[in-house]
Amino acid sequence: MSTEVRVPTLGESVTEATVATWFKKIGDQVAVDEMLCELETDKVTVEVPSPIAGTISEIVAPEGTTVSVEALLAQISEGATAPAPTEKTSCAIGNH
């Protein structure tokens, strides 16, 4: 099963944002509420958390893309296995 990650509500009168940074790439495992990407507007920078635990299966809006509110950013496959072992991913926390 796949879950869509969409642009959240950005604030009053803000209708679009630019995808500034992806913290994850296709094939990476993510936990619930783990930050996936950062969006920038003329007023605010917003981090987008993962709605579910799973694996990034598709990034629809790459860095530099201008997106509107509720636009599709990525797809996460629930329960899918990432190419790298979980232990290796856990050890990498804090080594950005």
N, C-alpha and C. Protein backbone atom coordinates (compact mmCIF):
# COMPACT_ATOMS: atom_id res chain seq x y z
N MET A 1 0.84 -1.19 0.00
CA MET A 1 0.00 0.00 0.00
C MET A 1 0.88 1.24 0.00
N SER A 2 0.46 2.26 -0.72
CA SER A 2 1.24 3.48 -0.86
C SER A 2 0.48 4.66 -0.28
N THR A 3 1.20 5.55 0.38
CA THR A 3 0.59 6.74 0.96
C THR A 3 1.19 7.98 0.30
N GLU A 4 0.34 8.93 -0.03
CA GLU A 4 0.79 10.18 -0.63
C GLU A 4 1.27 11.15 0.43
N VAL A 5 2.34 11.86 0.11
CA VAL A 5 2.83 12.96 0.96
C VAL A 5 2.53 14.24 0.18
N ARG A 6 1.72 15.10 0.78
CA ARG A 6 1.30 16.33 0.10
C ARG A 6 1.77 17.57 0.85
N VAL A 7 1.78 18.68 0.14
CA VAL A 7 2.15 19.97 0.74
C VAL A 7 1.10 20.31 1.79
N PRO A 8 1.54 20.62 3.02
CA PRO A 8 0.58 20.99 4.06
C PRO A 8 0.07 22.41 3.87
N THR A 9 -0.93 22.80 4.63
CA THR A 9 -1.39 24.18 4.63
C THR A 9 -0.22 25.05 5.08
N LEU A 10 0.07 26.09 4.34
CA LEU A 10 1.27 26.89 4.58
C LEU A 10 1.04 28.17 5.36
N GLY A 11 -0.19 28.50 5.61
CA GLY A 11 -0.48 29.73 6.34
C GLY A 11 -1.41 30.61 5.54
N GLU A 12 -1.90 31.61 6.21
CA GLU A 12 -2.87 32.50 5.61
C GLU A 12 -2.29 33.21 4.40
N SER A 13 -2.98 33.18 3.30
CA SER A 13 -2.65 33.83 2.03
C SER A 13 -1.41 33.28 1.33
N VAL A 14 -0.83 32.18 1.82
CA VAL A 14 0.31 31.56 1.14
C VAL A 14 -0.23 30.42 0.28
N THR A 15 0.02 30.51 -1.03
CA THR A 15 -0.55 29.53 -1.95
C THR A 15 0.47 28.61 -2.59
N GLU A 16 1.78 28.96 -2.48
CA GLU A 16 2.78 28.09 -3.06
C GLU A 16 4.10 28.16 -2.29
N ALA A 17 4.93 27.15 -2.53
CA ALA A 17 6.23 27.06 -1.86
C ALA A 17 7.22 26.42 -2.83
N THR A 18 8.49 26.50 -2.48
CA THR A 18 9.54 25.87 -3.25
C THR A 18 10.14 24.74 -2.42
N VAL A 19 10.32 23.58 -3.05
CA VAL A 19 10.97 22.46 -2.35
C VAL A 19 12.45 22.84 -2.22
N ALA A 20 12.88 23.10 -0.98
CA ALA A 20 14.25 23.57 -0.74
C ALA A 20 15.22 22.40 -0.60
N THR A 21 14.87 21.44 0.26
CA THR A 21 15.79 20.34 0.57
C THR A 21 15.02 19.05 0.80
N TRP A 22 15.50 17.97 0.23
CA TRP A 22 15.00 16.64 0.57
C TRP A 22 16.00 16.03 1.54
N PHE A 23 15.52 15.59 2.69
CA PHE A 23 16.37 14.93 3.68
C PHE A 23 16.48 13.43 3.40
N LYS A 24 15.60 12.92 2.56
CA LYS A 24 15.54 11.50 2.22
C LYS A 24 15.60 11.34 0.71
N LYS A 25 15.94 10.12 0.26
CA LYS A 25 15.93 9.83 -1.17
C LYS A 25 15.12 8.55 -1.41
N ILE A 26 14.84 8.25 -2.65
CA ILE A 26 14.07 7.06 -3.00
C ILE A 26 14.80 5.83 -2.45
N GLY A 27 14.04 4.97 -1.79
CA GLY A 27 14.60 3.75 -1.20
C GLY A 27 14.91 3.89 0.28
N ASP A 28 14.92 5.11 0.81
CA ASP A 28 15.20 5.32 2.23
C ASP A 28 13.99 4.94 3.07
N GLN A 29 14.26 4.30 4.22
CA GLN A 29 13.19 4.02 5.17
C GLN A 29 12.96 5.27 6.01
N VAL A 30 11.69 5.48 6.38
CA VAL A 30 11.32 6.62 7.23
C VAL A 30 10.40 6.15 8.35
N ALA A 31 10.45 6.86 9.46
CA ALA A 31 9.58 6.60 10.59
C ALA A 31 8.46 7.64 10.59
N VAL A 32 7.39 7.38 11.31
CA VAL A 32 6.30 8.34 11.44
C VAL A 32 6.87 9.63 12.03
N ASP A 33 6.50 10.74 11.46
CA ASP A 33 6.91 12.09 11.88
C ASP A 33 8.37 12.42 11.60
N GLU A 34 9.10 11.55 10.92
CA GLU A 34 10.49 11.87 10.52
C GLU A 34 10.42 12.91 9.40
N MET A 35 11.30 13.91 9.44
CA MET A 35 11.27 14.98 8.44
C MET A 35 11.72 14.46 7.07
N LEU A 36 10.89 14.72 6.06
CA LEU A 36 11.18 14.27 4.71
C LEU A 36 11.83 15.36 3.87
N CYS A 37 11.25 16.56 3.95
CA CYS A 37 11.77 17.66 3.14
C CYS A 37 11.43 18.99 3.80
N GLU A 38 12.01 20.03 3.23
CA GLU A 38 11.79 21.38 3.73
C GLU A 38 11.26 22.23 2.58
N LEU A 39 10.20 22.97 2.85
CA LEU A 39 9.60 23.86 1.87
C LEU A 39 9.83 25.30 2.29
N GLU A 40 10.10 26.17 1.32
CA GLU A 40 10.30 27.59 1.62
C GLU A 40 9.25 28.42 0.91
N THR A 41 8.71 29.40 1.64
CA THR A 41 7.81 30.40 1.05
C THR A 41 8.44 31.76 1.31
N ASP A 42 7.79 32.80 0.82
CA ASP A 42 8.31 34.15 1.08
C ASP A 42 8.14 34.53 2.55
N LYS A 43 7.34 33.77 3.30
CA LYS A 43 7.07 34.11 4.70
C LYS A 43 7.65 33.12 5.71
N VAL A 44 7.77 31.84 5.33
CA VAL A 44 8.11 30.82 6.32
C VAL A 44 8.81 29.62 5.66
N THR A 45 9.56 28.88 6.47
CA THR A 45 10.14 27.60 6.06
C THR A 45 9.39 26.51 6.82
N VAL A 46 8.93 25.50 6.09
CA VAL A 46 8.11 24.45 6.69
C VAL A 46 8.78 23.09 6.46
N GLU A 47 8.92 22.30 7.51
CA GLU A 47 9.39 20.93 7.38
C GLU A 47 8.19 20.01 7.21
N VAL A 48 8.30 19.06 6.30
CA VAL A 48 7.20 18.14 6.03
C VAL A 48 7.54 16.77 6.64
N PRO A 49 6.75 16.32 7.64
CA PRO A 49 7.01 15.02 8.27
C PRO A 49 6.35 13.87 7.51
N SER A 50 6.86 12.68 7.74
CA SER A 50 6.27 11.48 7.15
C SER A 50 4.98 11.13 7.87
N PRO A 51 3.90 10.87 7.14
CA PRO A 51 2.64 10.49 7.78
C PRO A 51 2.62 9.04 8.25
N ILE A 52 3.52 8.20 7.70
CA ILE A 52 3.57 6.78 8.06
C ILE A 52 5.01 6.30 8.10
N ALA A 53 5.21 5.11 8.65
CA ALA A 53 6.51 4.44 8.57
C ALA A 53 6.52 3.61 7.29
N GLY A 54 7.62 3.66 6.57
CA GLY A 54 7.71 2.91 5.33
C GLY A 54 8.96 3.27 4.56
N THR A 55 8.89 3.15 3.25
CA THR A 55 10.02 3.41 2.37
C THR A 55 9.61 4.41 1.30
N ILE A 56 10.47 5.40 1.05
CA ILE A 56 10.20 6.38 -0.01
C ILE A 56 10.23 5.63 -1.34
N SER A 57 9.11 5.59 -2.04
CA SER A 57 9.05 4.88 -3.31
C SER A 57 9.12 5.83 -4.51
N GLU A 58 8.76 7.10 -4.29
CA GLU A 58 8.79 8.07 -5.39
C GLU A 58 8.88 9.48 -4.82
N ILE A 59 9.70 10.30 -5.46
CA ILE A 59 9.74 11.74 -5.14
C ILE A 59 9.21 12.44 -6.38
N VAL A 60 8.05 13.04 -6.25
CA VAL A 60 7.36 13.66 -7.38
C VAL A 60 7.85 15.09 -7.62
N ALA A 61 8.19 15.81 -6.55
CA ALA A 61 8.61 17.20 -6.64
C ALA A 61 10.07 17.32 -6.17
N PRO A 62 11.04 17.33 -7.09
CA PRO A 62 12.44 17.43 -6.69
C PRO A 62 12.78 18.83 -6.15
N GLU A 63 13.97 18.96 -5.56
CA GLU A 63 14.43 20.25 -5.04
C GLU A 63 14.36 21.30 -6.14
N GLY A 64 13.91 22.49 -5.76
CA GLY A 64 13.79 23.60 -6.71
C GLY A 64 12.42 23.72 -7.35
N THR A 65 11.57 22.72 -7.17
CA THR A 65 10.23 22.72 -7.76
C THR A 65 9.30 23.63 -6.95
N THR A 66 8.51 24.44 -7.66
CA THR A 66 7.49 25.26 -7.01
C THR A 66 6.21 24.43 -6.95
N VAL A 67 5.65 24.33 -5.75
CA VAL A 67 4.45 23.52 -5.54
C VAL A 67 3.35 24.34 -4.88
N SER A 68 2.11 23.98 -5.16
CA SER A 68 0.98 24.67 -4.54
C SER A 68 0.52 23.86 -3.32
N VAL A 69 -0.33 24.47 -2.51
CA VAL A 69 -0.88 23.80 -1.34
C VAL A 69 -1.59 22.53 -1.79
N GLU A 70 -1.36 21.42 -1.09
CA GLU A 70 -1.94 20.11 -1.37
C GLU A 70 -1.33 19.41 -2.59
N ALA A 71 -0.27 19.96 -3.18
CA ALA A 71 0.39 19.28 -4.31
C ALA A 71 1.08 18.02 -3.81
N LEU A 72 1.20 17.03 -4.67
CA LEU A 72 1.84 15.76 -4.33
C LEU A 72 3.36 15.96 -4.30
N LEU A 73 3.98 15.57 -3.18
CA LEU A 73 5.43 15.67 -3.03
C LEU A 73 6.12 14.33 -3.25
N ALA A 74 5.56 13.28 -2.65
CA ALA A 74 6.19 11.96 -2.71
C ALA A 74 5.19 10.87 -2.40
N GLN A 75 5.64 9.62 -2.59
CA GLN A 75 4.86 8.44 -2.24
C GLN A 75 5.70 7.60 -1.27
N ILE A 76 5.07 7.08 -0.24
CA ILE A 76 5.74 6.20 0.71
C ILE A 76 5.03 4.85 0.67
N SER A 77 5.81 3.80 0.47
CA SER A 77 5.27 2.44 0.48
C SER A 77 5.29 1.94 1.91
N GLU A 78 4.14 1.59 2.40
CA GLU A 78 4.01 1.12 3.78
C GLU A 78 4.54 -0.30 3.90
N GLY A 79 5.41 -0.52 4.89
CA GLY A 79 5.91 -1.85 5.17
C GLY A 79 6.93 -2.37 4.16
N ALA A 80 7.32 -1.57 3.19
CA ALA A 80 8.33 -2.01 2.21
C ALA A 80 9.70 -2.00 2.85
N THR A 81 10.59 -2.78 2.29
CA THR A 81 11.94 -2.88 2.84
C THR A 81 12.89 -2.00 2.06
N ALA A 82 13.67 -1.22 2.78
CA ALA A 82 14.68 -0.36 2.15
C ALA A 82 15.86 -1.22 1.72
N PRO A 83 16.64 -0.78 0.74
CA PRO A 83 17.79 -1.54 0.28
C PRO A 83 18.88 -1.69 1.35
N ALA A 84 19.05 -0.70 2.22
CA ALA A 84 20.07 -0.77 3.26
C ALA A 84 19.49 -1.41 4.51
N PRO A 85 20.30 -2.16 5.25
CA PRO A 85 19.81 -2.76 6.49
C PRO A 85 19.44 -1.70 7.52
N THR A 86 18.44 -2.01 8.35
CA THR A 86 17.96 -1.06 9.35
C THR A 86 19.06 -0.67 10.33
N GLU A 87 19.92 -1.62 10.73
CA GLU A 87 20.98 -1.33 11.69
C GLU A 87 21.89 -0.23 11.16
N LYS A 88 22.20 -0.31 9.89
CA LYS A 88 23.08 0.69 9.29
C LYS A 88 22.43 2.06 9.32
N THR A 89 21.13 2.12 9.02
CA THR A 89 20.39 3.38 9.05
C THR A 89 20.38 3.96 10.46
N SER A 90 20.17 3.10 11.48
CA SER A 90 20.11 3.57 12.86
C SER A 90 21.45 4.16 13.29
N CYS A 91 22.54 3.59 12.85
CA CYS A 91 23.87 4.08 13.24
C CYS A 91 24.17 5.42 12.61
N ALA A 92 23.50 5.75 11.50
CA ALA A 92 23.80 6.98 10.79
C ALA A 92 23.09 8.19 11.38
N ILE A 93 22.22 8.00 12.36
CA ILE A 93 21.50 9.12 12.95
C ILE A 93 22.51 10.08 13.59
N GLY A 94 22.36 11.35 13.25
CA GLY A 94 23.24 12.37 13.81
C GLY A 94 24.48 12.60 12.96
N ASN A 95 24.68 11.81 11.92
CA ASN A 95 25.84 11.99 11.05
C ASN A 95 25.43 12.57 9.72
N HIS A 96 24.74 13.68 9.72
CA HIS A 96 24.25 14.27 8.48
C HIS A 96 25.36 14.93 7.77
